[in-house]
Amino acid sequence: MSDKKFKYKSAFDIIGPIMVGPSSSHTAGAVRIGNMARELYKHTPKKLIVTFYGSFAETYKGHGTAVAIVAGVLGFETHDERIPEAIKIAEKQGVFIEFLVSPKATEHANTVNLELIDEQEKLNLTAISIGGGSIQLTEINHHSTLLNQDQGNGLVFTTDQSNVAIPCVEDALESPAFVEVQQLNQETVFFVETLSDISQKLVAKIREIPGITAVLPTTG
């Protein structure tokens, strides 16, 4: 396993967030992975397929990972008291949910793949829980978010006005490298690696750029 890929930002990443337990890696991290998917997909899907790998595949029921993923997709935060009931809540909203396990070897033990599906759009997202509630997004629609800069920090953003948004994002970041992925919900998805520190202030600044419809760090 490459230490370079799985990035912690501070000691607080190890301690973990305020959360509904039992595990920061298996519960809080899973909620945040679901939150990532929700932010990119922007609405509740008609169908959610969740595939667990490694230790997630072995413990997803007992450690609450399954309900945590669903809670994140519904937009719940890590401390939301509704998390234990997330599957029932989603099903009442008409979401068909399927949980799968895979024996496939992955680079990190806590790996999960989410497919969010409705009549018009499909999002396939793979992410890992790297400990303390911190996560790393590794793929969107089978495109790797891990670019080649040795010391880069990663961002994913969506835009419906690429010609307006790209120059502004470039001005906000230090030495950005852009990779255009594809269309999602009639918007374009971009992966970015930059030497800039991905602070909440920077994310908020980029979110205010005209044409930006979503922005999130690939690690956080």
Protein backbone atom coordinates (compact mmCIF):
# COMPACT_ATOMS: atom_id res chain seq x y z
CA MET A 1 0.00 0.00 0.00
CA SER A 2 1.33 3.42 -0.91
CA ASP A 3 1.45 5.87 2.00
CA LYS A 4 1.52 8.71 -0.52
CA LYS A 5 -2.05 8.11 -1.62
CA PHE A 6 -3.84 8.04 1.72
CA LYS A 7 -3.50 11.48 3.26
CA TYR A 8 -4.14 12.69 6.80
CA LYS A 9 -4.30 16.42 7.40
CA SER A 10 -4.05 16.65 11.20
CA ALA A 11 -4.30 14.77 14.50
CA PHE A 12 -8.03 15.49 14.46
CA ASP A 13 -8.32 13.15 11.48
CA ILE A 14 -7.26 10.32 13.78
CA ILE A 15 -9.51 11.34 16.68
CA GLY A 16 -12.54 11.58 14.44
CA PRO A 17 -15.66 13.76 14.22
CA ILE A 18 -18.70 14.07 16.47
CA MET A 19 -20.71 11.06 15.38
CA VAL A 20 -23.22 8.32 15.97
CA GLY A 21 -21.02 5.25 16.56
CA PRO A 22 -19.75 2.64 16.88
CA SER A 23 -16.65 3.26 14.71
CA SER A 24 -15.15 6.34 13.14
CA SER A 25 -13.73 4.32 10.24
CA HIS A 26 -16.74 2.08 9.68
CA THR A 27 -19.52 4.53 10.57
CA ALA A 28 -18.47 8.20 10.41
CA GLY A 29 -16.24 7.61 7.39
CA ALA A 30 -19.06 5.74 5.68
CA VAL A 31 -21.50 8.61 6.30
CA ARG A 32 -19.03 11.02 4.74
CA ILE A 33 -18.59 8.78 1.68
CA GLY A 34 -22.36 8.81 1.27
CA ASN A 35 -22.31 12.61 1.69
CA MET A 36 -19.78 12.86 -1.17
CA ALA A 37 -22.04 10.86 -3.43
CA ARG A 38 -25.04 12.98 -2.46
CA GLU A 39 -23.21 16.25 -3.17
CA LEU A 40 -22.21 15.09 -6.64
CA TYR A 41 -25.53 13.43 -7.51
CA LYS A 42 -27.54 16.26 -5.89
CA HIS A 43 -30.70 14.28 -5.13
CA THR A 44 -31.90 11.00 -3.68
CA PRO A 45 -31.54 8.15 -6.19
CA LYS A 46 -34.23 5.67 -7.11
CA LYS A 47 -31.76 2.81 -6.65
CA LEU A 48 -28.62 2.48 -4.52
CA ILE A 49 -26.22 -0.43 -4.93
CA VAL A 50 -23.43 -0.63 -2.33
CA THR A 51 -20.51 -3.04 -2.74
CA PHE A 52 -18.19 -3.59 0.22
CA TYR A 53 -14.58 -4.81 0.02
CA GLY A 54 -12.01 -5.96 2.57
CA SER A 55 -12.87 -5.36 6.22
CA PHE A 56 -15.97 -3.45 5.18
CA ALA A 57 -17.26 -6.66 3.56
CA GLU A 58 -16.68 -8.58 6.80
CA THR A 59 -18.16 -6.09 9.28
CA TYR A 60 -20.58 -3.80 7.42
CA LYS A 61 -23.62 -5.14 9.27
CA GLY A 62 -22.26 -5.24 12.82
CA HIS A 63 -20.39 -1.93 12.61
CA GLY A 64 -23.25 0.02 11.08
CA THR A 65 -21.47 0.73 7.80
CA ALA A 66 -24.53 -0.15 5.72
CA VAL A 67 -26.89 2.25 7.50
CA ALA A 68 -24.13 4.90 7.57
CA ILE A 69 -23.65 4.82 3.79
CA VAL A 70 -27.40 5.16 3.24
CA ALA A 71 -27.58 7.99 5.79
CA GLY A 72 -24.88 9.88 3.92
CA VAL A 73 -26.66 9.44 0.60
CA LEU A 74 -29.80 10.85 2.23
CA GLY A 75 -27.77 13.90 3.29
CA PHE A 76 -27.50 13.11 7.03
CA GLU A 77 -24.41 14.35 8.90
CA THR A 78 -22.19 12.11 11.07
CA HIS A 79 -23.95 13.17 14.31
CA ASP A 80 -27.51 12.75 13.02
CA GLU A 81 -29.57 10.61 15.40
CA ARG A 82 -31.57 9.25 12.44
CA ILE A 83 -28.57 7.26 11.16
CA PRO A 84 -29.66 3.90 12.68
CA GLU A 85 -33.00 4.22 10.86
CA ALA A 86 -31.54 5.42 7.55
CA ILE A 87 -32.36 2.28 5.56
CA LYS A 88 -36.00 2.32 6.68
CA ILE A 89 -36.23 6.05 5.94
CA ALA A 90 -34.75 5.57 2.44
CA GLU A 91 -37.10 2.69 1.66
CA LYS A 92 -40.08 4.79 2.74
CA GLN A 93 -38.88 7.39 0.22
CA GLY A 94 -39.00 4.73 -2.50
CA VAL A 95 -35.26 3.95 -2.73
CA PHE A 96 -34.41 0.36 -3.68
CA ILE A 97 -31.22 -0.62 -1.82
CA GLU A 98 -28.94 -3.57 -2.52
CA PHE A 99 -25.85 -4.48 -0.48
CA LEU A 100 -23.16 -6.65 -2.07
CA VAL A 101 -19.80 -7.97 -0.91
CA SER A 102 -16.83 -8.61 -3.16
CA PRO A 103 -13.79 -10.86 -2.58
CA LYS A 104 -11.74 -8.65 -4.90
CA ALA A 105 -8.49 -7.46 -3.31
CA THR A 106 -8.23 -3.67 -2.91
CA GLU A 107 -5.33 -1.45 -1.96
CA HIS A 108 -7.10 -0.32 1.23
CA ALA A 109 -9.19 -2.58 3.48
CA ASN A 110 -12.06 -0.13 4.02
CA THR A 111 -13.15 0.26 0.40
CA VAL A 112 -16.71 0.73 -0.85
CA ASN A 113 -18.34 1.31 -4.23
CA LEU A 114 -21.65 3.15 -4.59
CA GLU A 115 -23.96 3.18 -7.59
CA LEU A 116 -26.69 5.83 -7.52
CA ILE A 117 -29.25 5.28 -10.25
CA ASP A 118 -32.46 6.81 -11.53
CA GLU A 119 -34.18 7.04 -14.92
CA GLN A 120 -31.88 9.78 -16.25
CA GLU A 121 -28.53 9.58 -14.45
CA LYS A 122 -26.08 7.13 -12.92
CA LEU A 123 -23.15 7.85 -10.61
CA ASN A 124 -20.55 5.22 -9.79
CA LEU A 125 -18.25 6.26 -6.95
CA THR A 126 -15.47 4.41 -5.12
CA ALA A 127 -13.95 5.67 -1.88
CA ILE A 128 -12.06 4.48 1.17
CA SER A 129 -12.30 5.24 4.86
CA ILE A 130 -8.72 5.94 5.98
CA GLY A 131 -9.38 6.28 9.71
CA GLY A 132 -10.78 8.72 12.23
CA GLY A 133 -13.72 9.56 9.98
CA SER A 134 -11.41 10.72 7.17
CA ILE A 135 -12.05 9.47 3.66
CA GLN A 136 -10.50 9.51 0.21
CA LEU A 137 -12.40 9.52 -3.06
CA THR A 138 -10.59 7.27 -5.53
CA GLU A 139 -12.89 6.91 -8.56
CA ILE A 140 -15.90 8.56 -10.19
CA ASN A 141 -17.58 6.61 -12.97
CA HIS A 142 -14.48 4.38 -13.17
CA HIS A 143 -12.10 7.33 -13.65
CA SER A 144 -9.36 7.56 -11.03
CA THR A 145 -9.22 10.79 -9.02
CA LEU A 146 -5.59 10.07 -8.06
CA LEU A 147 -3.49 12.14 -10.43
CA ASN A 148 0.26 12.09 -10.87
CA GLN A 149 1.55 15.11 -8.96
CA ASP A 150 3.76 13.84 -6.14
CA GLN A 151 2.62 16.35 -3.53
CA GLY A 152 -0.74 17.44 -4.89
CA ASN A 153 -3.95 17.97 -2.97
CA GLY A 154 -7.10 16.91 -4.75
CA LEU A 155 -10.44 18.52 -5.56
CA VAL A 156 -13.46 17.40 -7.53
CA PHE A 157 -15.89 19.98 -8.86
CA THR A 158 -18.85 20.09 -11.21
CA THR A 159 -19.77 22.98 -13.44
CA ASP A 160 -22.41 23.91 -15.98
CA GLN A 161 -20.25 26.75 -17.35
CA SER A 162 -16.76 25.34 -17.92
CA ASN A 163 -15.49 28.29 -19.92
CA VAL A 164 -16.34 30.64 -17.04
CA ALA A 165 -15.42 28.42 -14.11
CA ILE A 166 -12.06 27.00 -15.19
CA PRO A 167 -10.11 30.30 -15.37
CA CYS A 168 -11.49 31.35 -11.97
CA VAL A 169 -10.59 28.03 -10.35
CA GLU A 170 -7.14 28.25 -11.90
CA ASP A 171 -6.66 31.72 -10.39
CA ALA A 172 -7.69 30.44 -6.94
CA LEU A 173 -5.21 27.54 -6.89
CA GLU A 174 -1.45 27.10 -6.96
CA SER A 175 -0.17 25.08 -9.93
CA PRO A 176 -3.44 23.27 -10.69
CA ALA A 177 -3.61 20.26 -13.00
CA PHE A 178 -7.08 19.67 -14.45
CA VAL A 179 -8.57 16.47 -15.80
CA GLU A 180 -11.99 16.66 -17.41
CA VAL A 181 -13.92 13.48 -16.77
CA GLN A 182 -17.37 13.42 -18.34
CA GLN A 183 -20.93 14.66 -18.10
CA LEU A 184 -22.96 14.08 -14.93
CA ASN A 185 -26.45 15.50 -14.51
CA GLN A 186 -25.85 17.74 -17.56
CA GLU A 187 -22.73 19.14 -15.90
CA THR A 188 -19.02 18.49 -16.43
CA VAL A 189 -16.94 16.81 -13.73
CA PHE A 190 -13.32 17.87 -13.23
CA PHE A 191 -10.58 16.40 -11.05
CA VAL A 192 -7.89 18.83 -9.93
CA GLU A 193 -4.58 18.40 -8.17
CA THR A 194 -2.96 21.51 -6.73
CA LEU A 195 -0.15 22.54 -4.42
CA SER A 196 -2.63 24.74 -2.52
CA ASP A 197 -3.78 23.62 0.91
CA ILE A 198 -7.43 22.55 0.55
CA SER A 199 -8.90 24.53 3.43
CA GLN A 200 -12.59 25.06 4.13
CA LYS A 201 -12.03 28.72 3.23
CA LEU A 202 -10.64 27.75 -0.19
CA VAL A 203 -13.49 25.32 -0.86
CA ALA A 204 -16.01 28.03 0.08
CA LYS A 205 -14.26 30.49 -2.25
CA ILE A 206 -14.40 28.06 -5.18
CA ARG A 207 -18.03 27.23 -4.42
CA GLU A 208 -18.89 30.91 -4.98
CA ILE A 209 -17.39 30.96 -8.49
CA PRO A 210 -20.07 31.40 -11.19
CA GLY A 211 -20.85 28.10 -12.88
CA ILE A 212 -19.59 25.90 -10.01
CA THR A 213 -22.38 23.56 -8.91
CA ALA A 214 -20.45 21.38 -6.42
CA VAL A 215 -16.92 21.22 -5.03
CA LEU A 216 -15.33 18.86 -2.54
CA PRO A 217 -11.83 17.74 -1.55
CA THR A 218 -10.93 14.21 -2.62
CA THR A 219 -9.51 13.68 0.87
CA GLY A 220 -11.03 14.94 4.07
